[in-house]
């Protein structure tokens, strides 16, 4: 496991696009900061560093709650440090029925559907008629600042998201942001 970086769950201050430029929204995803401090407790999740060979087996993926998503959603950081500038890869799991209301991300993203059917729609209002269904293996490119929404309409799904950080999320309607409750 020498090629794996262990890290503890830490808060990330994410820059999201605001009316007057970037604004800090609050804790969003775990970072690898604990590893830099020499944390080898084994209690944190694992993330592969950029710039050296490594591998992460599916049974070693550490899932965590994600404050910017509904409480049922889970996130795993696989590669990089999403809190920092640079490439990252995360996975997101949503159980059946969970909706992610309209939101944007300041970074370009590439989604790959790992399992289940991924429903995504574009727009600033949640509209089930705008949802497109994508089966496992599908790849979706989402440009930065594109308003969109998700629904685990037909069952659980898992997507893998690649981008260049820092990762961010801003809900179109601030009342939809789970961090504000």
C-alpha atoms as a PDB file:
ATOM      1  CA  UNK A   1       0.000   0.000   0.000  1.00  0.00           C
ATOM      2  CA  UNK A   2       3.073   2.246  -0.204  1.00  0.00           C
ATOM      3  CA  UNK A   3       1.808   3.762  -3.447  1.00  0.00           C
ATOM      4  CA  UNK A   4      -1.472   4.847  -1.860  1.00  0.00           C
ATOM      5  CA  UNK A   5      -1.866   8.115  -0.044  1.00  0.00           C
ATOM      6  CA  UNK A   6      -4.005   7.873   3.062  1.00  0.00           C
ATOM      7  CA  UNK A   7      -5.837  10.871   4.271  1.00  0.00           C
ATOM      8  CA  UNK A   8      -8.310  11.832   6.897  1.00  0.00           C
ATOM      9  CA  UNK A   9     -11.567  13.571   6.275  1.00  0.00           C
ATOM     10  CA  UNK A  10     -10.911  17.310   6.367  1.00  0.00           C
ATOM     11  CA  UNK A  11     -13.011  20.314   5.451  1.00  0.00           C
ATOM     12  CA  UNK A  12     -12.523  21.960   2.104  1.00  0.00           C
ATOM     13  CA  UNK A  13     -13.303  25.551   1.385  1.00  0.00           C
ATOM     14  CA  UNK A  14     -14.484  25.543  -2.208  1.00  0.00           C
ATOM     15  CA  UNK A  15     -14.546  28.571  -4.433  1.00  0.00           C
ATOM     16  CA  UNK A  16     -17.834  28.878  -6.277  1.00  0.00           C
ATOM     17  CA  UNK A  17     -18.671  31.494  -8.862  1.00  0.00           C
ATOM     18  CA  UNK A  18     -20.608  34.369  -7.359  1.00  0.00           C
ATOM     19  CA  UNK A  19     -21.894  37.692  -8.596  1.00  0.00           C
ATOM     20  CA  UNK A  20     -18.717  39.516  -7.580  1.00  0.00           C
ATOM     21  CA  UNK A  21     -16.294  36.732  -8.436  1.00  0.00           C
ATOM     22  CA  UNK A  22     -15.296  33.668  -6.431  1.00  0.00           C
ATOM     23  CA  UNK A  23     -16.745  33.231  -2.988  1.00  0.00           C
ATOM     24  CA  UNK A  24     -15.995  30.650  -0.338  1.00  0.00           C
ATOM     25  CA  UNK A  25     -19.060  28.513   0.378  1.00  0.00           C
ATOM     26  CA  UNK A  26     -17.988  26.082   3.112  1.00  0.00           C
ATOM     27  CA  UNK A  27     -16.944  22.495   3.749  1.00  0.00           C
ATOM     28  CA  UNK A  28     -17.618  20.297   0.750  1.00  0.00           C
ATOM     29  CA  UNK A  29     -15.269  17.335   0.233  1.00  0.00           C
ATOM     30  CA  UNK A  30     -12.453  15.580   2.057  1.00  0.00           C
ATOM     31  CA  UNK A  31      -8.876  16.409   1.183  1.00  0.00           C
ATOM     32  CA  UNK A  32      -5.575  14.597   1.412  1.00  0.00           C
ATOM     33  CA  UNK A  33      -4.201  17.093   3.930  1.00  0.00           C
ATOM     34  CA  UNK A  34      -3.866  14.445   6.634  1.00  0.00           C
ATOM     35  CA  UNK A  35      -1.445  12.443   4.499  1.00  0.00           C
ATOM     36  CA  UNK A  36       0.839  15.430   4.129  1.00  0.00           C
ATOM     37  CA  UNK A  37       1.000  15.594   7.901  1.00  0.00           C
ATOM     38  CA  UNK A  38       2.029  11.944   8.043  1.00  0.00           C
ATOM     39  CA  UNK A  39      -1.340  10.484   9.060  1.00  0.00           C
ATOM     40  CA  UNK A  40      -1.137   6.703   8.777  1.00  0.00           C
ATOM     41  CA  UNK A  41      -3.943   5.869  11.160  1.00  0.00           C
ATOM     42  CA  UNK A  42      -5.882   4.018   8.486  1.00  0.00           C
ATOM     43  CA  UNK A  43      -9.118   5.782   9.463  1.00  0.00           C
ATOM     44  CA  UNK A  44      -9.251   8.097   6.463  1.00  0.00           C
ATOM     45  CA  UNK A  45     -10.064   7.485   2.850  1.00  0.00           C
ATOM     46  CA  UNK A  46      -7.458   6.841   0.196  1.00  0.00           C
ATOM     47  CA  UNK A  47      -6.538   8.935  -2.820  1.00  0.00           C
ATOM     48  CA  UNK A  48      -3.919   8.238  -5.427  1.00  0.00           C
ATOM     49  CA  UNK A  49      -1.425  11.050  -5.922  1.00  0.00           C
ATOM     50  CA  UNK A  50      -0.838  12.604  -9.328  1.00  0.00           C
ATOM     51  CA  UNK A  51       2.602  12.108 -10.884  1.00  0.00           C
ATOM     52  CA  UNK A  52       3.448   8.593  -9.749  1.00  0.00           C
ATOM     53  CA  UNK A  53       2.205   5.101 -10.525  1.00  0.00           C
ATOM     54  CA  UNK A  54      -0.543   3.797  -8.276  1.00  0.00           C
ATOM     55  CA  UNK A  55      -3.669   1.676  -8.167  1.00  0.00           C
ATOM     56  CA  UNK A  56      -6.794   1.637  -6.036  1.00  0.00           C
ATOM     57  CA  UNK A  57      -8.891  -1.521  -5.821  1.00  0.00           C
ATOM     58  CA  UNK A  58     -12.664  -1.155  -5.680  1.00  0.00           C
ATOM     59  CA  UNK A  59     -12.815  -2.861  -2.272  1.00  0.00           C
ATOM     60  CA  UNK A  60     -10.449  -0.185  -0.894  1.00  0.00           C
ATOM     61  CA  UNK A  61     -12.603   2.785  -1.950  1.00  0.00           C
ATOM     62  CA  UNK A  62     -13.701   4.764   1.111  1.00  0.00           C
ATOM     63  CA  UNK A  63     -17.156   6.319   0.804  1.00  0.00           C
ATOM     64  CA  UNK A  64     -18.065   9.421   2.772  1.00  0.00           C
ATOM     65  CA  UNK A  65     -21.029  11.721   3.170  1.00  0.00           C
ATOM     66  CA  UNK A  66     -20.872  14.853   1.064  1.00  0.00           C
ATOM     67  CA  UNK A  67     -22.206  18.011   2.789  1.00  0.00           C
ATOM     68  CA  UNK A  68     -23.165  19.700  -0.494  1.00  0.00           C
ATOM     69  CA  UNK A  69     -25.401  16.755  -1.490  1.00  0.00           C
ATOM     70  CA  UNK A  70     -28.419  15.172   0.224  1.00  0.00           C
ATOM     71  CA  UNK A  71     -27.451  13.050   3.262  1.00  0.00           C
ATOM     72  CA  UNK A  72     -28.012   9.758   1.377  1.00  0.00           C
ATOM     73  CA  UNK A  73     -25.382  10.601  -1.266  1.00  0.00           C
ATOM     74  CA  UNK A  74     -21.826   9.275  -0.936  1.00  0.00           C
ATOM     75  CA  UNK A  75     -18.563  10.495  -2.405  1.00  0.00           C
ATOM     76  CA  UNK A  76     -15.139   8.872  -2.730  1.00  0.00           C
ATOM     77  CA  UNK A  77     -11.971  10.714  -3.737  1.00  0.00           C
ATOM     78  CA  UNK A  78      -9.955   8.380  -5.974  1.00  0.00           C
ATOM     79  CA  UNK A  79      -7.212  10.549  -7.479  1.00  0.00           C
ATOM     80  CA  UNK A  80      -5.719  13.898  -6.580  1.00  0.00           C
ATOM     81  CA  UNK A  81      -6.934  16.508  -4.156  1.00  0.00           C
ATOM     82  CA  UNK A  82     -10.171  18.140  -5.347  1.00  0.00           C
ATOM     83  CA  UNK A  83      -9.609  21.079  -2.992  1.00  0.00           C
ATOM     84  CA  UNK A  84      -6.525  22.109  -4.920  1.00  0.00           C
ATOM     85  CA  UNK A  85      -5.744  23.184  -8.459  1.00  0.00           C
ATOM     86  CA  UNK A  86      -5.023  20.102 -10.526  1.00  0.00           C
ATOM     87  CA  UNK A  87      -6.669  16.970 -11.870  1.00  0.00           C
ATOM     88  CA  UNK A  88      -8.973  14.888  -9.690  1.00  0.00           C
ATOM     89  CA  UNK A  89     -11.219  11.835  -9.979  1.00  0.00           C
ATOM     90  CA  UNK A  90     -14.125  11.217  -7.597  1.00  0.00           C
ATOM     91  CA  UNK A  91     -17.034   8.773  -7.539  1.00  0.00           C
ATOM     92  CA  UNK A  92     -20.556   9.688  -6.522  1.00  0.00           C
ATOM     93  CA  UNK A  93     -23.265   7.205  -5.447  1.00  0.00           C
ATOM     94  CA  UNK A  94     -26.927   8.108  -5.154  1.00  0.00           C
ATOM     95  CA  UNK A  95     -29.605   5.732  -3.895  1.00  0.00           C
ATOM     96  CA  UNK A  96     -32.919   5.321  -5.696  1.00  0.00           C
ATOM     97  CA  UNK A  97     -35.204   8.332  -5.600  1.00  0.00           C
ATOM     98  CA  UNK A  98     -32.647  10.959  -4.561  1.00  0.00           C
ATOM     99  CA  UNK A  99     -32.701  14.223  -6.503  1.00  0.00           C
ATOM    100  CA  UNK A 100     -29.951  16.812  -6.853  1.00  0.00           C
ATOM    101  CA  UNK A 101     -31.618  20.119  -7.537  1.00  0.00           C
ATOM    102  CA  UNK A 102     -30.281  22.541 -10.174  1.00  0.00           C
ATOM    103  CA  UNK A 103     -26.677  23.545  -9.558  1.00  0.00           C
ATOM    104  CA  UNK A 104     -23.455  24.491 -11.324  1.00  0.00           C
ATOM    105  CA  UNK A 105     -19.762  23.656 -10.976  1.00  0.00           C
ATOM    106  CA  UNK A 106     -16.975  26.172 -11.721  1.00  0.00           C
ATOM    107  CA  UNK A 107     -14.880  23.453 -13.392  1.00  0.00           C
ATOM    108  CA  UNK A 108     -15.389  21.392 -16.563  1.00  0.00           C
ATOM    109  CA  UNK A 109     -16.367  17.807 -15.706  1.00  0.00           C
ATOM    110  CA  UNK A 110     -16.361  14.443 -17.413  1.00  0.00           C
ATOM    111  CA  UNK A 111     -18.853  11.920 -16.027  1.00  0.00           C
ATOM    112  CA  UNK A 112     -18.585   8.189 -16.674  1.00  0.00           C
ATOM    113  CA  UNK A 113     -21.539   6.070 -15.620  1.00  0.00           C
ATOM    114  CA  UNK A 114     -20.199   3.128 -13.591  1.00  0.00           C
ATOM    115  CA  UNK A 115     -23.484   1.468 -12.610  1.00  0.00           C
ATOM    116  CA  UNK A 116     -27.208   2.062 -12.701  1.00  0.00           C
ATOM    117  CA  UNK A 117     -28.866   4.609 -14.978  1.00  0.00           C
ATOM    118  CA  UNK A 118     -27.657   8.201 -14.634  1.00  0.00           C
ATOM    119  CA  UNK A 119     -30.364  10.788 -15.287  1.00  0.00           C
ATOM    120  CA  UNK A 120     -29.186  14.353 -15.906  1.00  0.00           C
ATOM    121  CA  UNK A 121     -31.075  17.370 -17.197  1.00  0.00           C
ATOM    122  CA  UNK A 122     -29.932  20.843 -18.181  1.00  0.00           C
ATOM    123  CA  UNK A 123     -31.531  24.039 -16.932  1.00  0.00           C
ATOM    124  CA  UNK A 124     -32.127  26.185 -13.876  1.00  0.00           C
ATOM    125  CA  UNK A 125     -35.432  24.503 -12.946  1.00  0.00           C
ATOM    126  CA  UNK A 126     -35.855  20.816 -12.070  1.00  0.00           C
ATOM    127  CA  UNK A 127     -37.903  19.439 -14.962  1.00  0.00           C
ATOM    128  CA  UNK A 128     -38.332  15.637 -15.219  1.00  0.00           C
ATOM    129  CA  UNK A 129     -39.131  16.037 -18.941  1.00  0.00           C
ATOM    130  CA  UNK A 130     -35.605  17.369 -19.573  1.00  0.00           C
ATOM    131  CA  UNK A 131     -33.856  14.354 -18.035  1.00  0.00           C
ATOM    132  CA  UNK A 132     -31.684  12.214 -20.297  1.00  0.00           C
ATOM    133  CA  UNK A 133     -30.931   8.616 -19.270  1.00  0.00           C
ATOM    134  CA  UNK A 134     -27.381   7.262 -19.610  1.00  0.00           C
ATOM    135  CA  UNK A 135     -26.520   3.574 -19.172  1.00  0.00           C
ATOM    136  CA  UNK A 136     -23.303   2.191 -17.653  1.00  0.00           C
ATOM    137  CA  UNK A 137     -20.277   2.989 -19.786  1.00  0.00           C
ATOM    138  CA  UNK A 138     -21.725   6.283 -21.045  1.00  0.00           C
ATOM    139  CA  UNK A 139     -19.509   9.370 -20.941  1.00  0.00           C
ATOM    140  CA  UNK A 140     -20.958  12.864 -20.480  1.00  0.00           C
ATOM    141  CA  UNK A 141     -19.029  16.138 -20.799  1.00  0.00           C
ATOM    142  CA  UNK A 142     -20.411  18.965 -18.678  1.00  0.00           C
ATOM    143  CA  UNK A 143     -18.852  22.368 -19.335  1.00  0.00           C
ATOM    144  CA  UNK A 144     -18.152  24.666 -16.374  1.00  0.00           C
ATOM    145  CA  UNK A 145     -21.040  26.769 -15.064  1.00  0.00           C
ATOM    146  CA  UNK A 146     -23.728  24.737 -16.881  1.00  0.00           C
ATOM    147  CA  UNK A 147     -26.903  24.605 -14.752  1.00  0.00           C
ATOM    148  CA  UNK A 148     -28.026  20.984 -14.400  1.00  0.00           C
ATOM    149  CA  UNK A 149     -29.833  18.530 -12.109  1.00  0.00           C
ATOM    150  CA  UNK A 150     -29.794  14.786 -11.404  1.00  0.00           C
ATOM    151  CA  UNK A 151     -32.320  12.176 -10.306  1.00  0.00           C
ATOM    152  CA  UNK A 152     -31.746   8.547  -9.338  1.00  0.00           C
ATOM    153  CA  UNK A 153     -35.065   7.943 -11.056  1.00  0.00           C
ATOM    154  CA  UNK A 154     -34.912   4.216 -11.777  1.00  0.00           C
ATOM    155  CA  UNK A 155     -32.643   3.035  -8.949  1.00  0.00           C
ATOM    156  CA  UNK A 156     -29.196   3.535  -7.447  1.00  0.00           C
ATOM    157  CA  UNK A 157     -26.462   4.883  -9.686  1.00  0.00           C
ATOM    158  CA  UNK A 158     -22.735   5.498  -9.481  1.00  0.00           C
ATOM    159  CA  UNK A 159     -20.776   7.949 -11.611  1.00  0.00           C
ATOM    160  CA  UNK A 160     -17.088   8.679 -11.816  1.00  0.00           C
ATOM    161  CA  UNK A 161     -16.272  12.354 -12.250  1.00  0.00           C
ATOM    162  CA  UNK A 162     -12.978  13.691 -13.590  1.00  0.00           C
ATOM    163  CA  UNK A 163     -12.050  17.352 -13.627  1.00  0.00           C
ATOM    164  CA  UNK A 164      -9.440  19.923 -12.781  1.00  0.00           C
ATOM    165  CA  UNK A 165      -9.884  21.431  -9.331  1.00  0.00           C
ATOM    166  CA  UNK A 166     -10.627  23.096  -7.234  1.00  0.00           C
ATOM    167  CA  UNK A 167     -13.974  21.311  -7.208  1.00  0.00           C
ATOM    168  CA  UNK A 168     -16.986  23.476  -6.456  1.00  0.00           C
ATOM    169  CA  UNK A 169     -20.776  23.461  -6.412  1.00  0.00           C
ATOM    170  CA  UNK A 170     -23.329  26.273  -6.283  1.00  0.00           C
ATOM    171  CA  UNK A 171     -27.070  25.647  -6.185  1.00  0.00           C
ATOM    172  CA  UNK A 172     -29.242  27.829  -8.424  1.00  0.00           C
ATOM    173  CA  UNK A 173     -31.673  28.266  -5.503  1.00  0.00           C
ATOM    174  CA  UNK A 174     -29.693  28.604  -2.240  1.00  0.00           C
ATOM    175  CA  UNK A 175     -32.611  26.956  -0.379  1.00  0.00           C
ATOM    176  CA  UNK A 176     -31.786  23.692  -2.222  1.00  0.00           C
ATOM    177  CA  UNK A 177     -28.253  23.624  -0.757  1.00  0.00           C
ATOM    178  CA  UNK A 178     -28.108  21.018   2.046  1.00  0.00           C
ATOM    179  CA  UNK A 179     -25.319  23.050   3.697  1.00  0.00           C
ATOM    180  CA  UNK A 180     -27.854  25.818   4.437  1.00  0.00           C
ATOM    181  CA  UNK A 181     -30.140  23.602   6.564  1.00  0.00           C
END
